[in-house]
N, C-alpha and C. Protein backbone atom coordinates (compact mmCIF):
# COMPACT_ATOMS: atom_id res chain seq x y z
N UNK A 1 0.80 -1.23 -0.24
CA UNK A 1 -0.03 -0.06 -0.12
C UNK A 1 0.79 1.14 0.05
N UNK A 2 0.70 1.93 -0.78
CA UNK A 2 1.86 3.44 -0.75
C UNK A 2 1.06 4.39 -0.25
N UNK A 3 1.90 5.19 0.51
CA UNK A 3 1.62 6.01 1.25
C UNK A 3 1.50 7.45 0.39
N UNK A 4 0.87 8.44 0.93
CA UNK A 4 0.92 9.79 0.06
C UNK A 4 1.78 10.46 1.01
N UNK A 5 2.92 11.55 1.17
CA UNK A 5 3.23 12.30 2.41
C UNK A 5 2.97 13.36 1.82
N UNK A 6 2.02 14.45 2.68
CA UNK A 6 1.82 15.19 2.03
C UNK A 6 3.05 16.48 2.20
N UNK A 7 3.16 17.37 1.14
CA UNK A 7 4.14 18.04 1.16
C UNK A 7 3.74 19.72 1.97
N UNK A 8 4.27 20.28 2.84
CA UNK A 8 3.70 21.57 2.94
C UNK A 8 4.21 22.52 2.08
N UNK A 9 3.04 23.18 1.74
CA UNK A 9 3.17 24.48 0.82
C UNK A 9 4.01 25.35 1.85
N UNK A 10 4.81 25.97 1.02
CA UNK A 10 5.41 27.41 1.76
C UNK A 10 4.50 28.47 1.85
N UNK A 11 4.67 28.87 3.03
CA UNK A 11 3.84 30.00 3.33
C UNK A 11 4.21 31.52 2.63
N UNK A 12 2.82 32.17 2.21
CA UNK A 12 3.57 33.48 1.27
C UNK A 12 4.24 34.24 2.49
N UNK A 13 5.22 35.22 1.64
CA UNK A 13 6.12 35.95 2.52
C UNK A 13 4.77 37.03 3.41
N UNK A 14 5.22 37.73 4.23
CA UNK A 14 4.37 38.56 4.95
C UNK A 14 4.50 39.94 3.95
N UNK A 15 3.06 40.39 3.74
CA UNK A 15 2.79 41.48 3.04
C UNK A 15 3.43 42.67 3.74
N UNK A 16 3.78 43.31 2.69
CA UNK A 16 4.51 44.68 2.81
C UNK A 16 3.76 45.76 3.00
N UNK A 17 4.07 46.87 3.69
CA UNK A 17 3.55 48.04 3.91
C UNK A 17 2.05 48.17 3.18
N UNK A 18 0.88 48.68 3.88
CA UNK A 18 -0.43 48.98 3.22
C UNK A 18 -0.10 50.00 1.87
N UNK A 19 -0.98 49.85 1.06
CA UNK A 19 -0.88 50.90 -0.24
C UNK A 19 -0.89 52.07 0.30
N UNK A 20 -1.90 52.30 0.89
CA UNK A 20 -2.02 54.12 1.38
C UNK A 20 -0.79 54.39 2.19
N UNK A 21 -0.40 53.61 3.04
CA UNK A 21 1.14 54.23 3.69
C UNK A 21 2.08 54.40 2.97
N UNK A 22 2.38 53.13 2.06
CA UNK A 22 3.70 53.22 1.26
C UNK A 22 3.45 54.39 0.15
N UNK A 23 2.25 54.75 -0.25
CA UNK A 23 1.70 56.12 -1.15
C UNK A 23 2.05 57.38 -0.48
N UNK A 24 2.04 57.35 0.97
CA UNK A 24 2.35 58.61 1.62
C UNK A 24 3.71 59.10 2.19
N UNK A 25 4.44 57.61 2.06
CA UNK A 25 5.99 57.86 2.25
C UNK A 25 6.46 58.36 0.76
N UNK A 26 5.98 57.73 0.10
CA UNK A 26 6.56 58.12 -1.58
C UNK A 26 6.45 59.63 -1.66
N UNK A 27 5.18 59.87 -1.47
CA UNK A 27 4.79 61.12 -2.00
C UNK A 27 5.42 62.20 -1.06
N UNK A 28 5.37 61.96 0.31
CA UNK A 28 6.25 62.99 1.01
C UNK A 28 7.49 63.04 0.65
N UNK A 29 8.31 61.91 0.17
CA UNK A 29 9.58 62.34 0.19
C UNK A 29 10.09 63.12 -1.44
N UNK A 30 8.86 63.07 -2.30
CA UNK A 30 8.93 63.64 -3.44
C UNK A 30 8.69 64.90 -3.29
N UNK A 31 7.68 65.32 -2.49
CA UNK A 31 7.24 66.24 -2.29
C UNK A 31 8.18 67.23 -1.61
N UNK A 32 9.25 66.94 -0.70
CA UNK A 32 9.87 67.39 0.11
C UNK A 32 10.93 67.73 -1.10
N UNK A 33 11.47 67.07 -1.95
CA UNK A 33 12.51 67.02 -2.71
C UNK A 33 12.04 68.24 -3.72
N UNK A 34 11.03 68.09 -4.43
CA UNK A 34 10.46 69.37 -5.26
C UNK A 34 10.21 70.46 -4.68
N UNK A 35 9.90 70.45 -3.50
CA UNK A 35 9.51 71.63 -2.77
C UNK A 35 10.98 72.28 -2.43
N UNK A 36 11.89 71.74 -1.92
CA UNK A 36 13.34 72.20 -1.59
C UNK A 36 14.01 72.86 -2.65
N UNK A 37 13.89 71.72 -3.61
CA UNK A 37 14.71 72.03 -5.01
C UNK A 37 14.12 72.96 -5.94
N UNK A 38 12.83 72.86 -5.98
CA UNK A 38 12.42 74.10 -6.68
C UNK A 38 12.65 75.85 -6.04
N UNK A 39 12.33 75.63 -4.88
CA UNK A 39 12.73 77.05 -4.15
C UNK A 39 14.05 77.60 -4.33
N UNK A 40 15.08 76.50 -4.20
CA UNK A 40 16.72 77.14 -4.17
C UNK A 40 16.79 77.46 -6.14
N UNK A 41 16.15 76.32 -6.51
CA UNK A 41 15.86 76.71 -8.45
C UNK A 41 15.68 78.18 -8.61
N UNK A 42 14.33 78.79 -8.06
CA UNK A 42 13.94 80.07 -8.29
C UNK A 42 14.76 80.72 -7.73
N UNK A 43 15.25 80.79 -6.59
CA UNK A 43 15.98 81.73 -6.01
C UNK A 43 17.33 82.02 -6.56
N UNK A 44 17.90 80.65 -7.12
CA UNK A 44 19.23 81.17 -7.93
C UNK A 44 18.88 81.71 -9.47
N UNK A 45 17.82 81.11 -9.72
CA UNK A 45 17.45 82.36 -11.27
C UNK A 45 17.68 83.36 -11.06
N UNK A 46 16.87 83.90 -10.20
CA UNK A 46 16.58 85.47 -9.79
C UNK A 46 17.86 86.16 -9.55
N UNK A 47 19.04 85.42 -9.25
CA UNK A 47 20.18 86.57 -8.99
C UNK A 47 20.69 86.38 -10.44
N UNK A 48 20.41 85.71 -11.20
CA UNK A 48 21.36 85.74 -12.66
C UNK A 48 20.73 86.65 -13.58
N UNK A 49 21.55 86.95 -14.86
CA UNK A 49 21.42 88.06 -15.67
C UNK A 49 20.06 87.10 -16.39
N UNK A 50 18.66 88.41 -17.14
CA UNK A 50 18.14 87.70 -17.34
C UNK A 50 17.52 88.66 -18.76
N UNK A 51 18.17 90.03 -18.67
CA UNK A 51 18.28 90.57 -20.22
C UNK A 51 19.48 91.65 -20.19
N UNK A 52 20.07 91.96 -21.49
CA UNK A 52 20.89 92.43 -21.84
C UNK A 52 20.76 93.38 -23.00
N UNK A 53 21.35 94.59 -23.20
CA UNK A 53 21.46 95.23 -24.07
C UNK A 53 22.12 96.74 -24.17
N UNK A 54 21.88 97.61 -24.75
CA UNK A 54 22.73 98.64 -25.06
C UNK A 54 22.05 99.96 -24.73
N UNK A 55 22.66 101.02 -24.58
CA UNK A 55 22.46 102.53 -24.69
C UNK A 55 22.98 102.96 -25.20
N UNK A 56 22.77 104.14 -25.88
CA UNK A 56 23.55 105.62 -26.47
C UNK A 56 24.21 106.42 -25.56
N UNK A 57 25.30 106.69 -25.14
CA UNK A 57 25.75 107.57 -24.59
C UNK A 57 26.95 108.28 -25.05
N UNK A 58 26.89 109.40 -25.15
CA UNK A 58 27.61 110.82 -25.54
C UNK A 58 28.42 109.75 -26.95
N UNK A 59 27.13 109.57 -27.67
CA UNK A 59 27.47 108.91 -28.68
C UNK A 59 27.91 107.59 -28.91
N UNK A 60 28.26 106.73 -28.11
CA UNK A 60 29.16 105.37 -27.80
C UNK A 60 27.90 104.72 -27.50
N UNK A 61 27.87 103.38 -27.61
CA UNK A 61 27.02 102.42 -27.05
C UNK A 61 27.52 101.59 -25.59
N UNK A 62 26.83 101.81 -24.83
CA UNK A 62 26.96 101.78 -23.29
C UNK A 62 26.36 100.29 -23.09
N UNK A 63 27.04 99.17 -22.44
CA UNK A 63 26.01 97.85 -22.34
C UNK A 63 25.72 97.70 -21.13
N UNK A 64 24.52 97.14 -20.94
CA UNK A 64 23.32 97.43 -19.89
C UNK A 64 22.89 95.65 -19.59
N UNK A 65 22.84 95.23 -18.31
CA UNK A 65 22.67 94.33 -17.87
C UNK A 65 21.45 94.21 -16.97
N UNK A 66 20.66 93.33 -16.66
CA UNK A 66 19.30 93.29 -15.58
C UNK A 66 19.31 91.81 -15.19
N UNK A 67 19.61 91.82 -13.77
CA UNK A 67 19.35 90.40 -13.05
C UNK A 67 17.86 90.08 -12.98
N UNK A 68 17.48 89.07 -12.31
CA UNK A 68 16.09 88.69 -12.18
C UNK A 68 15.30 89.73 -11.28
N UNK A 69 16.34 89.90 -10.11
CA UNK A 69 15.77 90.49 -9.18
C UNK A 69 15.45 91.73 -9.54
N UNK A 70 16.39 92.42 -10.87
CA UNK A 70 15.64 94.00 -11.20
C UNK A 70 15.03 93.77 -12.05
N UNK A 71 14.68 92.99 -12.93
CA UNK A 71 13.19 92.88 -13.67
C UNK A 71 11.86 92.38 -12.57
N UNK A 72 11.94 91.67 -11.72
CA UNK A 72 10.96 91.35 -11.06
C UNK A 72 11.28 90.73 -9.55
N UNK A 73 10.58 91.22 -8.37
CA UNK A 73 10.92 90.51 -7.36
C UNK A 73 9.98 89.01 -6.85
N UNK A 74 9.11 89.16 -7.64
CA UNK A 74 8.00 88.22 -7.08
C UNK A 74 8.55 86.73 -7.11
N UNK A 75 9.16 86.32 -8.46
CA UNK A 75 9.64 84.89 -8.20
C UNK A 75 10.23 84.37 -6.97
N UNK A 76 11.23 85.48 -6.39
CA UNK A 76 11.94 85.18 -5.34
C UNK A 76 11.25 85.17 -4.16
N UNK A 77 10.00 86.24 -3.99
CA UNK A 77 9.53 86.40 -2.79
C UNK A 77 8.54 84.87 -2.63
N UNK A 78 7.76 84.32 -3.62
CA UNK A 78 6.91 83.42 -3.73
C UNK A 78 7.68 82.27 -3.37
N UNK A 79 9.18 82.03 -3.72
CA UNK A 79 9.96 80.73 -3.42
C UNK A 79 10.11 80.96 -2.01
N UNK A 80 10.34 81.83 -1.52
CA UNK A 80 10.47 81.91 0.13
C UNK A 80 9.04 81.49 0.98
N UNK A 81 7.96 81.76 0.44
CA UNK A 81 6.82 81.68 1.05
C UNK A 81 6.69 80.33 0.71
N UNK A 82 6.63 79.36 -0.42
CA UNK A 82 6.51 78.22 -0.64
C UNK A 82 7.49 77.36 -0.08
N UNK A 83 8.71 77.78 0.26
CA UNK A 83 9.59 76.60 1.32
C UNK A 83 9.16 77.09 2.59
N UNK A 84 8.23 77.72 3.01
CA UNK A 84 7.73 78.16 4.74
C UNK A 84 6.71 77.34 4.42
N UNK A 85 5.72 77.19 3.35
CA UNK A 85 4.53 76.74 3.38
C UNK A 85 4.50 74.92 3.41
N UNK A 86 5.87 74.69 3.03
CA UNK A 86 6.29 73.35 2.60
C UNK A 86 6.41 72.86 4.03
N UNK A 87 7.50 73.54 4.95
CA UNK A 87 7.77 73.13 6.30
C UNK A 87 6.63 73.29 7.28
N UNK A 88 5.53 73.97 6.95
CA UNK A 88 4.53 74.69 7.75
C UNK A 88 3.38 73.37 7.62
N UNK A 89 3.40 72.48 6.78
CA UNK A 89 2.65 71.69 6.10
C UNK A 89 2.53 70.56 7.08
N UNK A 90 3.97 70.00 7.86
CA UNK A 90 3.98 69.22 8.96
C UNK A 90 3.37 69.97 10.53
N UNK A 91 3.00 70.93 10.52
CA UNK A 91 2.77 71.57 11.79
C UNK A 91 1.40 71.75 11.82
N UNK A 92 0.76 71.71 11.14
CA UNK A 92 -0.93 71.42 11.09
C UNK A 92 -1.63 70.47 10.53
N UNK A 93 -2.95 69.86 10.78
CA UNK A 93 -3.54 68.83 10.48
C UNK A 93 -4.69 69.44 10.18
N UNK A 94 -5.52 68.15 9.55
CA UNK A 94 -6.75 68.64 8.38
C UNK A 94 -7.19 69.62 7.59
N UNK A 95 -7.85 70.64 8.05
CA UNK A 95 -8.07 71.52 7.04
C UNK A 95 -6.90 72.69 6.97
N UNK A 96 -6.19 72.93 8.57
CA UNK A 96 -4.98 73.72 8.32
C UNK A 96 -3.72 72.97 7.55
N UNK A 97 -3.99 71.79 7.27
CA UNK A 97 -3.03 71.31 6.05
C UNK A 97 -3.62 71.47 4.68
N UNK A 98 -4.73 71.20 4.70
CA UNK A 98 -5.12 71.54 3.23
C UNK A 98 -4.84 73.14 2.86
N UNK A 99 -4.94 74.01 3.80
CA UNK A 99 -4.29 75.25 3.41
C UNK A 99 -3.37 75.67 3.08
N UNK A 100 -2.35 75.19 3.96
CA UNK A 100 -1.08 75.42 3.86
C UNK A 100 -0.55 74.67 2.40
N UNK A 101 -1.03 73.39 2.03
CA UNK A 101 -0.73 72.96 1.06
C UNK A 101 -1.25 74.04 -0.50
N UNK A 102 -2.49 74.12 -0.05
CA UNK A 102 -2.91 75.07 -1.29
C UNK A 102 -2.50 76.41 -1.84
N UNK A 103 -1.56 76.94 -0.47
CA UNK A 103 -0.44 78.01 -0.41
C UNK A 103 0.48 77.62 -1.05
N UNK A 104 1.35 76.34 -1.02
CA UNK A 104 2.32 76.00 -1.44
C UNK A 104 1.93 75.75 -2.86
N UNK A 105 0.67 75.53 -3.43
CA UNK A 105 0.93 75.34 -4.65
C UNK A 105 0.28 76.29 -5.46
N UNK A 106 -0.22 77.62 -4.93
CA UNK A 106 -0.39 78.96 -5.47
C UNK A 106 1.36 79.74 -5.75
N UNK A 107 2.13 79.39 -4.48
CA UNK A 107 3.39 79.82 -4.66
C UNK A 107 4.05 79.54 -6.02
N UNK A 108 3.94 77.94 -6.29
CA UNK A 108 4.33 77.60 -7.28
C UNK A 108 4.10 78.35 -8.67
N UNK A 109 2.45 78.37 -8.40
CA UNK A 109 2.04 78.79 -9.82
C UNK A 109 2.55 80.53 -10.03
N UNK A 110 2.15 81.11 -8.90
CA UNK A 110 2.70 82.54 -9.13
C UNK A 110 4.12 82.89 -9.64
N UNK A 111 4.85 82.14 -9.27
CA UNK A 111 6.39 81.88 -9.36
C UNK A 111 6.75 81.47 -11.21
N UNK A 112 5.75 80.88 -11.66
CA UNK A 112 5.61 80.42 -13.14
C UNK A 112 5.55 81.56 -14.03
N UNK A 113 4.29 82.23 -13.09
CA UNK A 113 3.62 83.48 -13.98
C UNK A 113 3.93 84.73 -14.13
N UNK A 114 4.97 84.73 -13.07
CA UNK A 114 5.78 86.02 -12.74
C UNK A 114 7.14 85.72 -13.57
N UNK A 115 8.02 84.66 -13.64
CA UNK A 115 8.86 84.00 -14.45
C UNK A 115 8.80 84.71 -16.28
N UNK A 116 7.54 83.84 -16.39
CA UNK A 116 6.93 83.96 -17.91
C UNK A 116 6.68 85.45 -18.35
N UNK A 117 6.36 86.29 -17.56
CA UNK A 117 6.15 87.48 -17.99
C UNK A 117 7.37 88.30 -17.69
N UNK A 118 8.22 88.04 -16.81
CA UNK A 118 9.74 88.68 -16.90
C UNK A 118 10.73 88.30 -18.00
N UNK A 119 10.33 87.41 -18.35
CA UNK A 119 11.02 86.82 -20.04
C UNK A 119 11.28 87.70 -20.88
N UNK A 120 10.22 88.81 -21.02
CA UNK A 120 10.44 89.37 -21.95
C UNK A 120 10.14 90.81 -21.56
N UNK A 121 10.25 91.06 -20.65
CA UNK A 121 10.09 92.39 -19.90
C UNK A 121 11.55 93.41 -20.17
N UNK A 122 11.53 94.60 -20.82
CA UNK A 122 12.29 95.64 -20.99
C UNK A 122 12.51 96.61 -20.06
N UNK A 123 11.34 96.64 -19.02
CA UNK A 123 11.44 98.01 -18.13
C UNK A 123 12.54 98.44 -17.30
N UNK A 124 13.13 97.24 -16.97
CA UNK A 124 14.42 97.39 -16.12
C UNK A 124 15.43 97.69 -17.22
N UNK A 125 15.75 97.68 -18.01
CA UNK A 125 16.86 97.89 -18.72
C UNK A 125 16.30 99.31 -18.97
N UNK A 126 15.00 99.51 -19.52
CA UNK A 126 14.95 101.26 -20.02
C UNK A 126 15.19 102.04 -18.60
N UNK A 127 14.95 101.54 -18.00
CA UNK A 127 15.44 102.41 -16.42
C UNK A 127 16.52 102.80 -16.05
N UNK A 128 17.49 101.57 -16.36
CA UNK A 128 18.96 101.77 -16.32
C UNK A 128 19.53 102.87 -17.77
N UNK A 129 18.80 102.54 -18.66
CA UNK A 129 19.51 103.54 -19.96
C UNK A 129 18.69 104.99 -19.51
N UNK A 130 17.69 105.06 -19.17
CA UNK A 130 17.44 106.55 -18.58
C UNK A 130 18.48 107.09 -17.45
N UNK A 131 18.62 106.25 -16.75
CA UNK A 131 19.80 106.80 -15.38
C UNK A 131 21.02 107.05 -16.15
N UNK A 132 21.28 105.99 -17.32
CA UNK A 132 23.04 106.24 -17.53
C UNK A 132 22.93 107.23 -18.66
N UNK A 133 21.70 107.84 -19.25
CA UNK A 133 21.86 108.92 -20.29
C UNK A 133 21.33 110.20 -19.51
N UNK A 134 20.69 109.95 -18.80
CA UNK A 134 19.51 111.35 -17.95
C UNK A 134 18.70 111.68 -18.91
N UNK A 135 18.47 110.73 -19.52
CA UNK A 135 17.21 111.00 -20.45
C UNK A 135 16.29 110.39 -20.40
N UNK A 136 14.79 110.66 -19.64
CA UNK A 136 13.69 109.60 -19.02
C UNK A 136 13.23 109.13 -20.41
N UNK A 137 13.34 109.37 -21.50
CA UNK A 137 12.61 108.85 -22.67
C UNK A 137 13.86 107.71 -23.19
N UNK A 138 15.06 107.48 -22.63
CA UNK A 138 15.63 106.52 -23.58
C UNK A 138 15.50 105.16 -23.40
N UNK A 139 15.92 104.71 -24.29
CA UNK A 139 15.39 103.01 -24.27
C UNK A 139 16.72 102.11 -24.64
N UNK A 140 15.92 100.98 -24.58
CA UNK A 140 17.51 100.30 -25.07
C UNK A 140 17.70 99.47 -26.24
N UNK A 141 18.66 99.58 -26.81
CA UNK A 141 18.76 99.36 -28.18
C UNK A 141 19.58 97.50 -28.21
N UNK A 142 19.17 96.65 -29.19
CA UNK A 142 19.94 95.29 -29.28
C UNK A 142 19.52 94.49 -27.94
N UNK A 143 18.30 94.98 -27.48
CA UNK A 143 17.68 93.88 -26.43
C UNK A 143 17.54 92.36 -26.36
N UNK A 144 18.26 91.72 -25.57
CA UNK A 144 17.93 90.14 -25.94
C UNK A 144 18.09 89.69 -24.50
N UNK A 145 17.35 88.65 -24.27
CA UNK A 145 16.62 87.82 -23.06
C UNK A 145 17.74 86.59 -22.98
N UNK A 146 18.13 86.29 -21.94
CA UNK A 146 18.78 84.83 -21.50
C UNK A 146 17.76 83.53 -21.14
N UNK A 147 17.89 82.78 -20.95
CA UNK A 147 17.32 81.35 -20.34
C UNK A 147 16.72 81.07 -18.99
N UNK A 148 17.68 82.19 -18.30
CA UNK A 148 17.35 82.05 -16.71
C UNK A 148 15.71 82.47 -16.33
N UNK A 149 15.06 83.31 -17.12
CA UNK A 149 13.53 83.15 -16.46
C UNK A 149 12.76 81.91 -16.58
N UNK A 150 13.18 81.20 -17.56
CA UNK A 150 12.75 79.97 -17.76
C UNK A 150 13.30 78.61 -16.70
N UNK A 151 14.34 78.86 -16.34
CA UNK A 151 15.17 78.24 -15.15
C UNK A 151 13.80 78.66 -13.89
N UNK A 152 13.79 80.00 -13.57
CA UNK A 152 12.95 80.22 -12.56
C UNK A 152 11.63 79.52 -12.88
N UNK A 153 11.10 79.58 -13.88
CA UNK A 153 9.77 78.91 -13.82
C UNK A 153 9.57 77.52 -13.74
N UNK A 154 10.92 76.81 -13.99
CA UNK A 154 10.89 75.43 -13.86
C UNK A 154 10.88 75.34 -12.24
N UNK A 155 11.69 75.98 -11.35
CA UNK A 155 11.67 75.87 -9.96
C UNK A 155 10.09 76.28 -9.45
N UNK A 156 9.39 77.05 -10.39
CA UNK A 156 8.05 77.53 -9.57
C UNK A 156 6.81 76.51 -9.95
N UNK A 157 7.19 75.30 -11.20
CA UNK A 157 7.09 74.03 -11.38
C UNK A 157 6.76 73.15 -10.77
N UNK A 158 8.29 73.01 -10.20
CA UNK A 158 8.85 72.01 -8.80
C UNK A 158 7.61 72.27 -7.76
N UNK A 159 7.43 73.65 -7.40
CA UNK A 159 6.77 73.89 -6.18
C UNK A 159 5.37 73.75 -6.26
N UNK A 160 4.94 74.19 -7.55
CA UNK A 160 3.32 73.70 -7.62
C UNK A 160 3.31 72.10 -7.97
N UNK A 161 4.44 71.38 -8.19
CA UNK A 161 4.09 69.89 -7.89
C UNK A 161 4.19 69.49 -6.40
N UNK A 162 4.77 69.96 -5.72
CA UNK A 162 4.93 69.49 -4.06
C UNK A 162 3.76 70.44 -3.79
N UNK A 163 2.80 71.30 -3.84
CA UNK A 163 1.89 71.73 -3.61
C UNK A 163 0.73 70.65 -4.13
N UNK A 164 0.58 69.98 -5.37
CA UNK A 164 -0.61 69.03 -5.69
C UNK A 164 -0.06 68.00 -4.83
N UNK A 165 0.97 67.17 -4.55
CA UNK A 165 1.38 66.44 -3.88
C UNK A 165 0.45 66.27 -2.37
N UNK A 166 0.71 67.34 -1.68
CA UNK A 166 0.32 67.85 -0.35
C UNK A 166 -1.03 67.76 -0.28
N UNK A 167 -1.81 68.21 -1.12
CA UNK A 167 -3.02 68.42 -1.31
C UNK A 167 -3.99 66.71 -1.70
N UNK A 168 -2.88 65.81 -2.41
CA UNK A 168 -3.32 64.75 -2.61
C UNK A 168 -3.31 63.81 -1.63
N UNK A 169 -2.04 63.92 -1.09
CA UNK A 169 -1.65 63.02 -0.06
C UNK A 169 -0.87 63.38 0.77
N UNK A 170 -1.62 64.79 1.45
CA UNK A 170 -1.12 65.35 2.82
C UNK A 170 -2.00 64.55 3.73
N UNK A 171 -3.06 64.17 3.93
CA UNK A 171 -3.53 63.25 4.87
C UNK A 171 -3.06 62.67 5.39
N UNK A 172 -1.95 61.82 4.69
CA UNK A 172 -1.25 60.52 4.98
C UNK A 172 -0.23 60.84 5.23
N UNK A 173 0.33 61.92 5.54
CA UNK A 173 1.86 62.14 6.03
C UNK A 173 1.72 62.51 7.59
N UNK A 174 2.88 62.29 8.23
CA UNK A 174 2.85 62.41 9.73
C UNK A 174 3.18 64.11 9.96
N UNK A 175 2.62 64.19 11.35
CA UNK A 175 2.61 65.78 11.76
C UNK A 175 3.41 65.49 13.08
N UNK A 176 3.67 67.29 13.54
CA UNK A 176 4.49 67.30 14.52
C UNK A 176 4.21 66.89 15.94
N UNK A 177 4.76 65.84 16.61
CA UNK A 177 4.31 65.16 17.91
C UNK A 177 4.31 66.16 18.40
N UNK A 178 3.10 66.29 19.56
CA UNK A 178 2.80 66.96 20.49
C UNK A 178 3.24 66.77 21.62
N UNK A 179 4.25 65.84 21.80
CA UNK A 179 4.95 65.63 23.04
C UNK A 179 5.65 66.59 23.95
N UNK A 180 6.08 67.76 23.26
CA UNK A 180 6.22 68.93 24.08
C UNK A 180 5.71 70.12 24.08
N UNK A 181 4.52 69.79 23.75
CA UNK A 181 3.31 70.87 23.85
C UNK A 181 3.00 71.27 25.13
N UNK A 182 2.54 72.66 25.15
CA UNK A 182 2.47 73.13 27.12
C UNK A 182 0.85 72.32 27.19
N UNK A 183 1.31 71.64 28.61
CA UNK A 183 0.24 71.39 29.10
C UNK A 183 -0.05 69.52 29.33
N UNK A 184 1.26 69.54 28.28
CA UNK A 184 1.19 67.68 28.41
C UNK A 184 1.57 67.11 29.77
N UNK A 185 0.90 66.45 30.28
CA UNK A 185 1.28 65.80 31.72
C UNK A 185 1.98 64.51 31.46
N UNK A 186 3.12 64.55 32.40
CA UNK A 186 4.57 63.45 32.40
C UNK A 186 4.16 63.01 33.68
N UNK A 187 4.24 61.53 33.35
CA UNK A 187 4.33 60.41 34.61
C UNK A 187 5.45 61.02 35.17
N UNK A 188 5.11 60.84 36.69
CA UNK A 188 5.93 61.09 37.71
C UNK A 188 6.58 59.87 38.43
N UNK A 189 7.83 59.84 38.45
CA UNK A 189 8.22 58.86 39.00
C UNK A 189 8.07 58.58 40.55
N UNK A 190 8.13 57.15 41.38
CA UNK A 190 7.52 57.25 42.37
C UNK A 190 9.04 56.40 42.94
N UNK A 191 9.22 57.24 44.27
CA UNK A 191 10.64 56.89 45.03
C UNK A 191 10.04 55.45 45.60
N UNK A 192 10.90 54.25 45.58
CA UNK A 192 10.99 52.99 46.12
C UNK A 192 10.58 52.46 47.38
N UNK A 193 9.70 52.07 48.15
CA UNK A 193 9.51 52.11 49.56
C UNK A 193 10.96 51.88 49.95
N UNK A 194 11.13 52.43 51.39
CA UNK A 194 12.05 51.89 52.04
C UNK A 194 12.23 50.60 52.92
N UNK A 195 13.41 50.13 52.54
CA UNK A 195 13.90 48.57 53.06
C UNK A 195 14.09 48.84 54.74
N UNK A 196 13.61 48.38 55.40
CA UNK A 196 13.96 48.59 56.84
C UNK A 196 15.36 47.99 57.17
N UNK A 197 15.40 46.87 56.78
CA UNK A 197 16.73 45.92 56.79
C UNK A 197 18.10 46.75 56.43
N UNK A 198 17.78 48.11 55.46
CA UNK A 198 18.91 48.77 54.76
C UNK A 198 18.91 50.28 55.22
N UNK A 199 19.84 50.35 56.21
CA UNK A 199 20.06 51.89 56.94
C UNK A 199 19.95 52.83 56.08
N UNK A 200 20.88 52.65 54.91
CA UNK A 200 20.99 53.67 53.76
C UNK A 200 19.94 54.19 53.14
N UNK A 201 18.90 52.75 52.92
CA UNK A 201 17.18 53.59 52.17
C UNK A 201 16.52 54.17 53.55
N UNK A 202 16.57 53.93 54.66
CA UNK A 202 16.43 54.82 55.90
C UNK A 202 16.57 56.28 55.88
N UNK A 203 17.98 56.50 55.75
CA UNK A 203 18.23 57.79 55.60
C UNK A 203 17.89 58.54 54.12
N UNK A 204 17.60 57.93 53.58
CA UNK A 204 17.08 58.70 52.16
C UNK A 204 15.88 58.75 52.46
N UNK A 205 14.91 58.10 52.81
CA UNK A 205 13.81 58.45 53.45
C UNK A 205 13.58 59.67 53.68
N UNK A 206 14.29 59.68 55.05
CA UNK A 206 14.03 60.63 56.03
C UNK A 206 14.73 62.06 55.13
N UNK A 207 15.76 61.86 54.35
CA UNK A 207 16.07 63.13 53.44
C UNK A 207 14.88 63.69 52.65
N UNK A 208 14.26 62.78 52.08
CA UNK A 208 13.05 63.17 51.34
C UNK A 208 11.81 63.42 52.00
N UNK A 209 11.84 63.81 53.39
CA UNK A 209 10.59 63.92 54.35
C UNK A 209 9.67 62.88 54.39
N UNK A 210 9.96 61.83 54.38
CA UNK A 210 9.19 60.34 54.34
C UNK A 210 9.11 59.81 55.37
N UNK A 211 8.13 58.96 56.06
CA UNK A 211 8.33 58.32 57.13
C UNK A 211 8.53 56.76 56.79
N UNK A 212 9.96 56.71 56.88
CA UNK A 212 10.46 55.21 56.82
C UNK A 212 9.93 53.93 57.47
N UNK A 213 8.89 54.20 58.31
CA UNK A 213 8.32 53.09 58.97
C UNK A 213 6.83 53.10 58.49
N UNK A 214 6.65 53.77 57.86
CA UNK A 214 5.03 53.43 56.46
C UNK A 214 3.77 53.59 57.45
N UNK A 215 3.93 54.13 58.73
CA UNK A 215 3.12 54.33 59.87
C UNK A 215 2.25 55.67 59.16
């Protein structure tokens, strides 16, 4: 008579983290990366040369350049606001987190719009031409623009992406611990009872103002 030996089937491996939890961790890491990188890129781009041209001074051509901060201060300001909002996302919860995430997204959108408008702006160079020539009606000739405004817009796009991620997955992200909040009760340690057979314990109890006899 043949006996059939049952072969135990291997148990399936333990399931990994739940889908929402995994999505929360990935979206958190991506939002932090996009937000920090976007703010840094936008701030760096506003310090570079956005436009250049020439102004006629005493019969000669005088070169003029304008940085992004000369053209518009909006991208740099919104980049700082976006970075602050990215940090504040972890300090608030629920409705407050949605509001801060919306502010982060709006900061990115505003940075994009301001950078694209500044990409073709010539007012900063015209102002410098007027100062150089002493003629308020002077304008810049041979005007040209660099690609830095579009770099600033790319930084704004990263901020916008971070804000959209915060709006979509922010509810899954951790918040700052309330461990150090005011009014938090901490458990107090209770001194061990004095052992009457140990004189040092009796002296310690007396120093604490306790009755070592337990009466």
